[in-house]
Amino acid sequence: MAELTKLSTRHIAGIEKGEANPSFEVLYTIITALGTSFDAIFNPADEQAEREIQEIAGLYQACPEQGRRIILAANRAMVHEIMDKDKSGQ
């Protein structure tokens, strides 16, 4: 981790042991090196959802503009349908 973040091993060890609190900049550096997000760190129960969102975002970004418009419209329609059924108790 120290090598990836360019931080000293002593600093990383202190953070891991709870002996040091990282600054925002250090925390950002660590999270970036881990290839994750603040949400995944602070809300670990949401980690699976975060991976799924990242997958969806990657698929969306891989599409040409016309495909993106279709994906967005289809997803809006599906979410509205799901939410309408949930409100009606079906």
PDB file of N, CA and C in Angstrom:
ATOM      1  N   MET A   1       0.832  -1.183   0.000  1.00  0.00           N
ATOM      2  CA  MET A   1       0.000   0.000   0.000  1.00  0.00           C
ATOM      3  C   MET A   1       0.881   1.252   0.000  1.00  0.00           C
ATOM      4  N   ALA A   2       1.931   1.218   0.792  1.00  0.00           N
ATOM      5  CA  ALA A   2       2.825   2.375   0.855  1.00  0.00           C
ATOM      6  C   ALA A   2       3.409   2.686  -0.522  1.00  0.00           C
ATOM      7  N   GLU A   3       3.771   1.654  -1.237  1.00  0.00           N
ATOM      8  CA  GLU A   3       4.339   1.850  -2.573  1.00  0.00           C
ATOM      9  C   GLU A   3       3.317   2.456  -3.527  1.00  0.00           C
ATOM     10  N   LEU A   4       2.089   1.964  -3.474  1.00  0.00           N
ATOM     11  CA  LEU A   4       1.027   2.470  -4.357  1.00  0.00           C
ATOM     12  C   LEU A   4       0.655   3.915  -4.061  1.00  0.00           C
ATOM     13  N   THR A   5       0.684   4.273  -2.786  1.00  0.00           N
ATOM     14  CA  THR A   5       0.236   5.601  -2.380  1.00  0.00           C
ATOM     15  C   THR A   5       1.360   6.620  -2.237  1.00  0.00           C
ATOM     16  N   LYS A   6       2.602   6.138  -2.264  1.00  0.00           N
ATOM     17  CA  LYS A   6       3.779   6.998  -2.049  1.00  0.00           C
ATOM     18  C   LYS A   6       3.804   7.567  -0.637  1.00  0.00           C
ATOM     19  N   LEU A   7       3.157   6.853   0.299  1.00  0.00           N
ATOM     20  CA  LEU A   7       3.178   7.227   1.713  1.00  0.00           C
ATOM     21  C   LEU A   7       4.148   6.301   2.428  1.00  0.00           C
ATOM     22  N   SER A   8       4.636   6.715   3.572  1.00  0.00           N
ATOM     23  CA  SER A   8       5.579   5.867   4.306  1.00  0.00           C
ATOM     24  C   SER A   8       4.859   4.652   4.884  1.00  0.00           C
ATOM     25  N   THR A   9       5.590   3.573   5.016  1.00  0.00           N
ATOM     26  CA  THR A   9       5.009   2.371   5.611  1.00  0.00           C
ATOM     27  C   THR A   9       4.602   2.640   7.055  1.00  0.00           C
ATOM     28  N   ARG A  10       5.330   3.483   7.738  1.00  0.00           N
ATOM     29  CA  ARG A  10       5.005   3.837   9.119  1.00  0.00           C
ATOM     30  C   ARG A  10       3.646   4.549   9.179  1.00  0.00           C
ATOM     31  N   HIS A  11       3.427   5.459   8.231  1.00  0.00           N
ATOM     32  CA  HIS A  11       2.150   6.187   8.189  1.00  0.00           C
ATOM     33  C   HIS A  11       0.993   5.223   7.908  1.00  0.00           C
ATOM     34  N   ILE A  12       1.177   4.362   6.913  1.00  0.00           N
ATOM     35  CA  ILE A  12       0.142   3.377   6.576  1.00  0.00           C
ATOM     36  C   ILE A  12      -0.129   2.468   7.767  1.00  0.00           C
ATOM     37  N   ALA A  13       0.919   1.986   8.409  1.00  0.00           N
ATOM     38  CA  ALA A  13       0.758   1.100   9.567  1.00  0.00           C
ATOM     39  C   ALA A  13       0.010   1.800  10.692  1.00  0.00           C
ATOM     40  N   GLY A  14       0.321   3.067  10.919  1.00  0.00           N
ATOM     41  CA  GLY A  14      -0.369   3.828  11.965  1.00  0.00           C
ATOM     42  C   GLY A  14      -1.857   3.956  11.680  1.00  0.00           C
ATOM     43  N   ILE A  15      -2.199   4.167  10.422  1.00  0.00           N
ATOM     44  CA  ILE A  15      -3.615   4.255  10.033  1.00  0.00           C
ATOM     45  C   ILE A  15      -4.287   2.905  10.224  1.00  0.00           C
ATOM     46  N   GLU A  16      -3.625   1.836   9.779  1.00  0.00           N
ATOM     47  CA  GLU A  16      -4.195   0.488   9.898  1.00  0.00           C
ATOM     48  C   GLU A  16      -4.435   0.095  11.352  1.00  0.00           C
ATOM     49  N   LYS A  17      -3.538   0.512  12.232  1.00  0.00           N
ATOM     50  CA  LYS A  17      -3.653   0.164  13.650  1.00  0.00           C
ATOM     51  C   LYS A  17      -4.580   1.108  14.415  1.00  0.00           C
ATOM     52  N   GLY A  18      -5.051   2.138  13.760  1.00  0.00           N
ATOM     53  CA  GLY A  18      -5.918   3.112  14.432  1.00  0.00           C
ATOM     54  C   GLY A  18      -5.145   4.094  15.286  1.00  0.00           C
ATOM     55  N   GLU A  19      -3.851   4.171  15.089  1.00  0.00           N
ATOM     56  CA  GLU A  19      -3.011   5.092  15.856  1.00  0.00           C
ATOM     57  C   GLU A  19      -2.922   6.466  15.204  1.00  0.00           C
ATOM     58  N   ALA A  20      -3.286   6.546  13.927  1.00  0.00           N
ATOM     59  CA  ALA A  20      -3.236   7.813  13.194  1.00  0.00           C
ATOM     60  C   ALA A  20      -4.515   7.960  12.383  1.00  0.00           C
ATOM     61  N   ASN A  21      -4.987   9.175  12.300  1.00  0.00           N
ATOM     62  CA  ASN A  21      -6.155   9.473  11.477  1.00  0.00           C
ATOM     63  C   ASN A  21      -5.676  10.145  10.198  1.00  0.00           C
ATOM     64  N   PRO A  22      -6.039   9.594   9.052  1.00  0.00           N
ATOM     65  CA  PRO A  22      -5.572  10.189   7.798  1.00  0.00           C
ATOM     66  C   PRO A  22      -6.298  11.500   7.505  1.00  0.00           C
ATOM     67  N   SER A  23      -5.574  12.417   6.886  1.00  0.00           N
ATOM     68  CA  SER A  23      -6.209  13.645   6.399  1.00  0.00           C
ATOM     69  C   SER A  23      -7.095  13.274   5.204  1.00  0.00           C
ATOM     70  N   PHE A  24      -7.897  14.215   4.764  1.00  0.00           N
ATOM     71  CA  PHE A  24      -8.740  13.966   3.595  1.00  0.00           C
ATOM     72  C   PHE A  24      -7.877  13.614   2.393  1.00  0.00           C
ATOM     73  N   GLU A  25      -6.776  14.323   2.204  1.00  0.00           N
ATOM     74  CA  GLU A  25      -5.898  14.080   1.060  1.00  0.00           C
ATOM     75  C   GLU A  25      -5.307  12.671   1.106  1.00  0.00           C
ATOM     76  N   VAL A  26      -4.865  12.242   2.292  1.00  0.00           N
ATOM     77  CA  VAL A  26      -4.302  10.902   2.443  1.00  0.00           C
ATOM     78  C   VAL A  26      -5.389   9.856   2.216  1.00  0.00           C
ATOM     79  N   LEU A  27      -6.561  10.081   2.767  1.00  0.00           N
ATOM     80  CA  LEU A  27      -7.668   9.148   2.580  1.00  0.00           C
ATOM     81  C   LEU A  27      -8.026   9.033   1.104  1.00  0.00           C
ATOM     82  N   TYR A  28      -8.064  10.146   0.410  1.00  0.00           N
ATOM     83  CA  TYR A  28      -8.353  10.146  -1.021  1.00  0.00           C
ATOM     84  C   TYR A  28      -7.287   9.345  -1.773  1.00  0.00           C
ATOM     85  N   THR A  29      -6.033   9.521  -1.413  1.00  0.00           N
ATOM     86  CA  THR A  29      -4.934   8.800  -2.046  1.00  0.00           C
ATOM     87  C   THR A  29      -5.084   7.293  -1.837  1.00  0.00           C
ATOM     88  N   ILE A  30      -5.411   6.896  -0.627  1.00  0.00           N
ATOM     89  CA  ILE A  30      -5.573   5.471  -0.313  1.00  0.00           C
ATOM     90  C   ILE A  30      -6.759   4.884  -1.067  1.00  0.00           C
ATOM     91  N   ILE A  31      -7.877   5.575  -1.055  1.00  0.00           N
ATOM     92  CA  ILE A  31      -9.080   5.085  -1.738  1.00  0.00           C
ATOM     93  C   ILE A  31      -8.837   4.971  -3.236  1.00  0.00           C
ATOM     94  N   THR A  32      -8.138   5.942  -3.811  1.00  0.00           N
ATOM     95  CA  THR A  32      -7.810   5.891  -5.233  1.00  0.00           C
ATOM     96  C   THR A  32      -6.897   4.711  -5.532  1.00  0.00           C
ATOM     97  N   ALA A  33      -5.902   4.484  -4.686  1.00  0.00           N
ATOM     98  CA  ALA A  33      -4.978   3.357  -4.879  1.00  0.00           C
ATOM     99  C   ALA A  33      -5.711   2.023  -4.790  1.00  0.00           C
ATOM    100  N   LEU A  34      -6.722   1.949  -3.942  1.00  0.00           N
ATOM    101  CA  LEU A  34      -7.505   0.720  -3.799  1.00  0.00           C
ATOM    102  C   LEU A  34      -8.475   0.514  -4.956  1.00  0.00           C
ATOM    103  N   GLY A  35      -8.700   1.565  -5.736  1.00  0.00           N
ATOM    104  CA  GLY A  35      -9.625   1.461  -6.854  1.00  0.00           C
ATOM    105  C   GLY A  35     -11.064   1.337  -6.411  1.00  0.00           C
ATOM    106  N   THR A  36     -11.402   1.998  -5.325  1.00  0.00           N
ATOM    107  CA  THR A  36     -12.759   1.933  -4.786  1.00  0.00           C
ATOM    108  C   THR A  36     -13.305   3.341  -4.622  1.00  0.00           C
ATOM    109  N   SER A  37     -14.365   3.491  -3.866  1.00  0.00           N
ATOM    110  CA  SER A  37     -14.974   4.798  -3.662  1.00  0.00           C
ATOM    111  C   SER A  37     -15.141   5.071  -2.173  1.00  0.00           C
ATOM    112  N   PHE A  38     -15.410   6.333  -1.860  1.00  0.00           N
ATOM    113  CA  PHE A  38     -15.674   6.696  -0.473  1.00  0.00           C
ATOM    114  C   PHE A  38     -16.877   5.929   0.059  1.00  0.00           C
ATOM    115  N   ASP A  39     -17.902   5.781  -0.765  1.00  0.00           N
ATOM    116  CA  ASP A  39     -19.101   5.051  -0.333  1.00  0.00           C
ATOM    117  C   ASP A  39     -18.775   3.620   0.056  1.00  0.00           C
ATOM    118  N   ALA A  40     -17.947   2.956  -0.732  1.00  0.00           N
ATOM    119  CA  ALA A  40     -17.606   1.565  -0.431  1.00  0.00           C
ATOM    120  C   ALA A  40     -16.824   1.457   0.874  1.00  0.00           C
ATOM    121  N   ILE A  41     -16.037   2.478   1.190  1.00  0.00           N
ATOM    122  CA  ILE A  41     -15.257   2.471   2.432  1.00  0.00           C
ATOM    123  C   ILE A  41     -16.149   2.766   3.635  1.00  0.00           C
ATOM    124  N   PHE A  42     -17.000   3.770   3.520  1.00  0.00           N
ATOM    125  CA  PHE A  42     -17.795   4.202   4.662  1.00  0.00           C
ATOM    126  C   PHE A  42     -19.129   3.487   4.794  1.00  0.00           C
ATOM    127  N   ASN A  43     -19.566   2.828   3.745  1.00  0.00           N
ATOM    128  CA  ASN A  43     -20.800   2.040   3.772  1.00  0.00           C
ATOM    129  C   ASN A  43     -20.519   0.665   3.189  1.00  0.00           C
ATOM    130  N   PRO A  44     -19.736  -0.165   3.893  1.00  0.00           N
ATOM    131  CA  PRO A  44     -19.336  -1.446   3.313  1.00  0.00           C
ATOM    132  C   PRO A  44     -20.497  -2.350   2.935  1.00  0.00           C
ATOM    133  N   ALA A  45     -21.653  -2.197   3.566  1.00  0.00           N
ATOM    134  CA  ALA A  45     -22.807  -3.022   3.200  1.00  0.00           C
ATOM    135  C   ALA A  45     -23.267  -2.711   1.781  1.00  0.00           C
ATOM    136  N   ASP A  46     -22.930  -1.536   1.290  1.00  0.00           N
ATOM    137  CA  ASP A  46     -23.329  -1.121  -0.051  1.00  0.00           C
ATOM    138  C   ASP A  46     -22.286  -1.481  -1.105  1.00  0.00           C
ATOM    139  N   GLU A  47     -21.268  -2.244  -0.731  1.00  0.00           N
ATOM    140  CA  GLU A  47     -20.179  -2.561  -1.656  1.00  0.00           C
ATOM    141  C   GLU A  47     -20.675  -3.306  -2.891  1.00  0.00           C
ATOM    142  N   GLN A  48     -21.571  -4.269  -2.718  1.00  0.00           N
ATOM    143  CA  GLN A  48     -22.104  -5.012  -3.863  1.00  0.00           C
ATOM    144  C   GLN A  48     -22.879  -4.066  -4.784  1.00  0.00           C
ATOM    145  N   ALA A  49     -23.680  -3.208  -4.203  1.00  0.00           N
ATOM    146  CA  ALA A  49     -24.433  -2.244  -5.012  1.00  0.00           C
ATOM    147  C   ALA A  49     -23.478  -1.322  -5.762  1.00  0.00           C
ATOM    148  N   GLU A  50     -22.410  -0.919  -5.107  1.00  0.00           N
ATOM    149  CA  GLU A  50     -21.416  -0.054  -5.751  1.00  0.00           C
ATOM    150  C   GLU A  50     -20.784  -0.751  -6.958  1.00  0.00           C
ATOM    151  N   ARG A  51     -20.442  -2.027  -6.811  1.00  0.00           N
ATOM    152  CA  ARG A  51     -19.873  -2.780  -7.940  1.00  0.00           C
ATOM    153  C   ARG A  51     -20.874  -2.874  -9.085  1.00  0.00           C
ATOM    154  N   GLU A  52     -22.141  -3.092  -8.742  1.00  0.00           N
ATOM    155  CA  GLU A  52     -23.166  -3.195  -9.777  1.00  0.00           C
ATOM    156  C   GLU A  52     -23.367  -1.865 -10.488  1.00  0.00           C
ATOM    157  N   ILE A  53     -23.354  -0.790  -9.739  1.00  0.00           N
ATOM    158  CA  ILE A  53     -23.483   0.542 -10.340  1.00  0.00           C
ATOM    159  C   ILE A  53     -22.307   0.829 -11.264  1.00  0.00           C
ATOM    160  N   GLN A  54     -21.111   0.466 -10.825  1.00  0.00           N
ATOM    161  CA  GLN A  54     -19.927   0.669 -11.659  1.00  0.00           C
ATOM    162  C   GLN A  54     -20.016  -0.157 -12.943  1.00  0.00           C
ATOM    163  N   GLU A  55     -20.549  -1.367 -12.836  1.00  0.00           N
ATOM    164  CA  GLU A  55     -20.717  -2.206 -14.025  1.00  0.00           C
ATOM    165  C   GLU A  55     -21.697  -1.556 -14.998  1.00  0.00           C
ATOM    166  N   ILE A  56     -22.815  -1.083 -14.469  1.00  0.00           N
ATOM    167  CA  ILE A  56     -23.812  -0.429 -15.313  1.00  0.00           C
ATOM    168  C   ILE A  56     -23.218   0.813 -15.979  1.00  0.00           C
ATOM    169  N   ALA A  57     -22.481   1.597 -15.200  1.00  0.00           N
ATOM    170  CA  ALA A  57     -21.856   2.807 -15.751  1.00  0.00           C
ATOM    171  C   ALA A  57     -20.869   2.449 -16.859  1.00  0.00           C
ATOM    172  N   GLY A  58     -20.090   1.389 -16.657  1.00  0.00           N
ATOM    173  CA  GLY A  58     -19.136   0.970 -17.683  1.00  0.00           C
ATOM    174  C   GLY A  58     -19.817   0.523 -18.961  1.00  0.00           C
ATOM    175  N   LEU A  59     -20.898  -0.229 -18.814  1.00  0.00           N
ATOM    176  CA  LEU A  59     -21.648  -0.668 -19.989  1.00  0.00           C
ATOM    177  C   LEU A  59     -22.232   0.531 -20.733  1.00  0.00           C
ATOM    178  N   TYR A  60     -22.775   1.474 -19.988  1.00  0.00           N
ATOM    179  CA  TYR A  60     -23.350   2.681 -20.576  1.00  0.00           C
ATOM    180  C   TYR A  60     -22.278   3.468 -21.336  1.00  0.00           C
ATOM    181  N   GLN A  61     -21.131   3.648 -20.716  1.00  0.00           N
ATOM    182  CA  GLN A  61     -20.060   4.438 -21.328  1.00  0.00           C
ATOM    183  C   GLN A  61     -19.481   3.757 -22.558  1.00  0.00           C
ATOM    184  N   ALA A  62     -19.585   2.442 -22.631  1.00  0.00           N
ATOM    185  CA  ALA A  62     -19.053   1.713 -23.777  1.00  0.00           C
ATOM    186  C   ALA A  62     -19.932   1.858 -25.016  1.00  0.00           C
ATOM    187  N   CYS A  63     -21.149   2.329 -24.840  1.00  0.00           N
ATOM    188  CA  CYS A  63     -22.090   2.443 -25.959  1.00  0.00           C
ATOM    189  C   CYS A  63     -21.917   3.761 -26.703  1.00  0.00           C
ATOM    190  N   PRO A  64     -22.272   3.748 -27.985  1.00  0.00           N
ATOM    191  CA  PRO A  64     -22.314   5.011 -28.728  1.00  0.00           C
ATOM    192  C   PRO A  64     -23.481   5.865 -28.222  1.00  0.00           C
ATOM    193  N   GLU A  65     -23.501   7.122 -28.599  1.00  0.00           N
ATOM    194  CA  GLU A  65     -24.498   8.076 -28.097  1.00  0.00           C
ATOM    195  C   GLU A  65     -25.936   7.587 -28.281  1.00  0.00           C
ATOM    196  N   GLN A  66     -26.274   7.056 -29.444  1.00  0.00           N
ATOM    197  CA  GLN A  66     -27.635   6.574 -29.679  1.00  0.00           C
ATOM    198  C   GLN A  66     -27.979   5.443 -28.714  1.00  0.00           C
ATOM    199  N   GLY A  67     -27.046   4.542 -28.502  1.00  0.00           N
ATOM    200  CA  GLY A  67     -27.257   3.454 -27.559  1.00  0.00           C
ATOM    201  C   GLY A  67     -27.457   3.968 -26.140  1.00  0.00           C
ATOM    202  N   ARG A  68     -26.729   5.002 -25.778  1.00  0.00           N
ATOM    203  CA  ARG A  68     -26.880   5.594 -24.438  1.00  0.00           C
ATOM    204  C   ARG A  68     -28.285   6.159 -24.241  1.00  0.00           C
ATOM    205  N   ARG A  69     -28.799   6.810 -25.263  1.00  0.00           N
ATOM    206  CA  ARG A  69     -30.155   7.368 -25.156  1.00  0.00           C
ATOM    207  C   ARG A  69     -31.180   6.253 -24.970  1.00  0.00           C
ATOM    208  N   ILE A  70     -31.004   5.156 -25.699  1.00  0.00           N
ATOM    209  CA  ILE A  70     -31.919   4.013 -25.588  1.00  0.00           C
ATOM    210  C   ILE A  70     -31.825   3.404 -24.194  1.00  0.00           C
ATOM    211  N   ILE A  71     -30.608   3.198 -23.705  1.00  0.00           N
ATOM    212  CA  ILE A  71     -30.404   2.619 -22.371  1.00  0.00           C
ATOM    213  C   ILE A  71     -31.036   3.500 -21.308  1.00  0.00           C
ATOM    214  N   LEU A  72     -30.827   4.797 -21.395  1.00  0.00           N
ATOM    215  CA  LEU A  72     -31.374   5.712 -20.403  1.00  0.00           C
ATOM    216  C   LEU A  72     -32.903   5.697 -20.415  1.00  0.00           C
ATOM    217  N   ALA A  73     -33.491   5.732 -21.597  1.00  0.00           N
ATOM    218  CA  ALA A  73     -34.949   5.712 -21.704  1.00  0.00           C
ATOM    219  C   ALA A  73     -35.527   4.395 -21.172  1.00  0.00           C
ATOM    220  N   ALA A  74     -34.887   3.291 -21.512  1.00  0.00           N
ATOM    221  CA  ALA A  74     -35.363   1.987 -21.049  1.00  0.00           C
ATOM    222  C   ALA A  74     -35.261   1.876 -19.532  1.00  0.00           C
ATOM    223  N   ASN A  75     -34.165   2.337 -18.974  1.00  0.00           N
ATOM    224  CA  ASN A  75     -33.997   2.277 -17.519  1.00  0.00           C
ATOM    225  C   ASN A  75     -34.988   3.172 -16.792  1.00  0.00           C
ATOM    226  N   ARG A  76     -35.242   4.339 -17.333  1.00  0.00           N
ATOM    227  CA  ARG A  76     -36.244   5.215 -16.712  1.00  0.00           C
ATOM    228  C   ARG A  76     -37.602   4.521 -16.694  1.00  0.00           C
ATOM    229  N   ALA A  77     -37.973   3.915 -17.823  1.00  0.00           N
ATOM    230  CA  ALA A  77     -39.268   3.232 -17.907  1.00  0.00           C
ATOM    231  C   ALA A  77     -39.337   2.069 -16.922  1.00  0.00           C
ATOM    232  N   MET A  78     -38.267   1.294 -16.813  1.00  0.00           N
ATOM    233  CA  MET A  78     -38.265   0.161 -15.878  1.00  0.00           C
ATOM    234  C   MET A  78     -38.377   0.631 -14.436  1.00  0.00           C
ATOM    235  N   VAL A  79     -37.647   1.664 -14.081  1.00  0.00           N
ATOM    236  CA  VAL A  79     -37.689   2.168 -12.702  1.00  0.00           C
ATOM    237  C   VAL A  79     -39.076   2.709 -12.385  1.00  0.00           C
ATOM    238  N   HIS A  80     -39.665   3.454 -13.299  1.00  0.00           N
ATOM    239  CA  HIS A  80     -41.022   3.970 -13.067  1.00  0.00           C
ATOM    240  C   HIS A  80     -42.013   2.827 -12.899  1.00  0.00           C
ATOM    241  N   GLU A  81     -41.890   1.800 -13.719  1.00  0.00           N
ATOM    242  CA  GLU A  81     -42.786   0.638 -13.628  1.00  0.00           C
ATOM    243  C   GLU A  81     -42.621  -0.056 -12.281  1.00  0.00           C
ATOM    244  N   ILE A  82     -41.391  -0.267 -11.867  1.00  0.00           N
ATOM    245  CA  ILE A  82     -41.118  -0.925 -10.584  1.00  0.00           C
ATOM    246  C   ILE A  82     -41.651  -0.091  -9.426  1.00  0.00           C
ATOM    247  N   MET A  83     -41.422   1.200  -9.469  1.00  0.00           N
ATOM    248  CA  MET A  83     -41.873   2.068  -8.378  1.00  0.00           C
ATOM    249  C   MET A  83     -43.393   2.166  -8.331  1.00  0.00           C
ATOM    250  N   ASP A  84     -44.028   2.188  -9.496  1.00  0.00           N
ATOM    251  CA  ASP A  84     -45.495   2.236  -9.535  1.00  0.00           C
ATOM    252  C   ASP A  84     -46.085   0.959  -8.955  1.00  0.00           C
ATOM    253  N   LYS A  85     -45.510  -0.201  -9.277  1.00  0.00           N
ATOM    254  CA  LYS A  85     -46.002  -1.462  -8.721  1.00  0.00           C
ATOM    255  C   LYS A  85     -45.767  -1.513  -7.217  1.00  0.00           C
ATOM    256  N   ASP A  86     -44.640  -0.994  -6.768  1.00  0.00           N
ATOM    257  CA  ASP A  86     -44.326  -0.994  -5.333  1.00  0.00           C
ATOM    258  C   ASP A  86     -45.323  -0.108  -4.571  1.00  0.00           C
ATOM    259  N   LYS A  87     -45.697   1.006  -5.148  1.00  0.00           N
ATOM    260  CA  LYS A  87     -46.669   1.920  -4.492  1.00  0.00           C
ATOM    261  C   LYS A  87     -48.055   1.305  -4.426  1.00  0.00           C
ATOM    262  N   SER A  88     -48.383   0.510  -5.436  1.00  0.00           N
ATOM    263  CA  SER A  88     -49.722  -0.077  -5.471  1.00  0.00           C
ATOM    264  C   SER A  88     -49.779  -1.399  -4.692  1.00  0.00           C
ATOM    265  N   GLY A  89     -48.639  -1.849  -4.185  1.00  0.00           N
ATOM    266  CA  GLY A  89     -48.601  -3.068  -3.376  1.00  0.00           C
ATOM    267  C   GLY A  89     -48.633  -4.353  -4.155  1.00  0.00           C
ATOM    268  N   GLN A  90     -48.313  -4.308  -5.421  1.00  0.00           N
ATOM    269  CA  GLN A  90     -48.331  -5.518  -6.258  1.00  0.00           C
ATOM    270  C   GLN A  90     -47.036  -6.269  -6.124  1.00  0.00           C
TER     271      GLN A  90
END
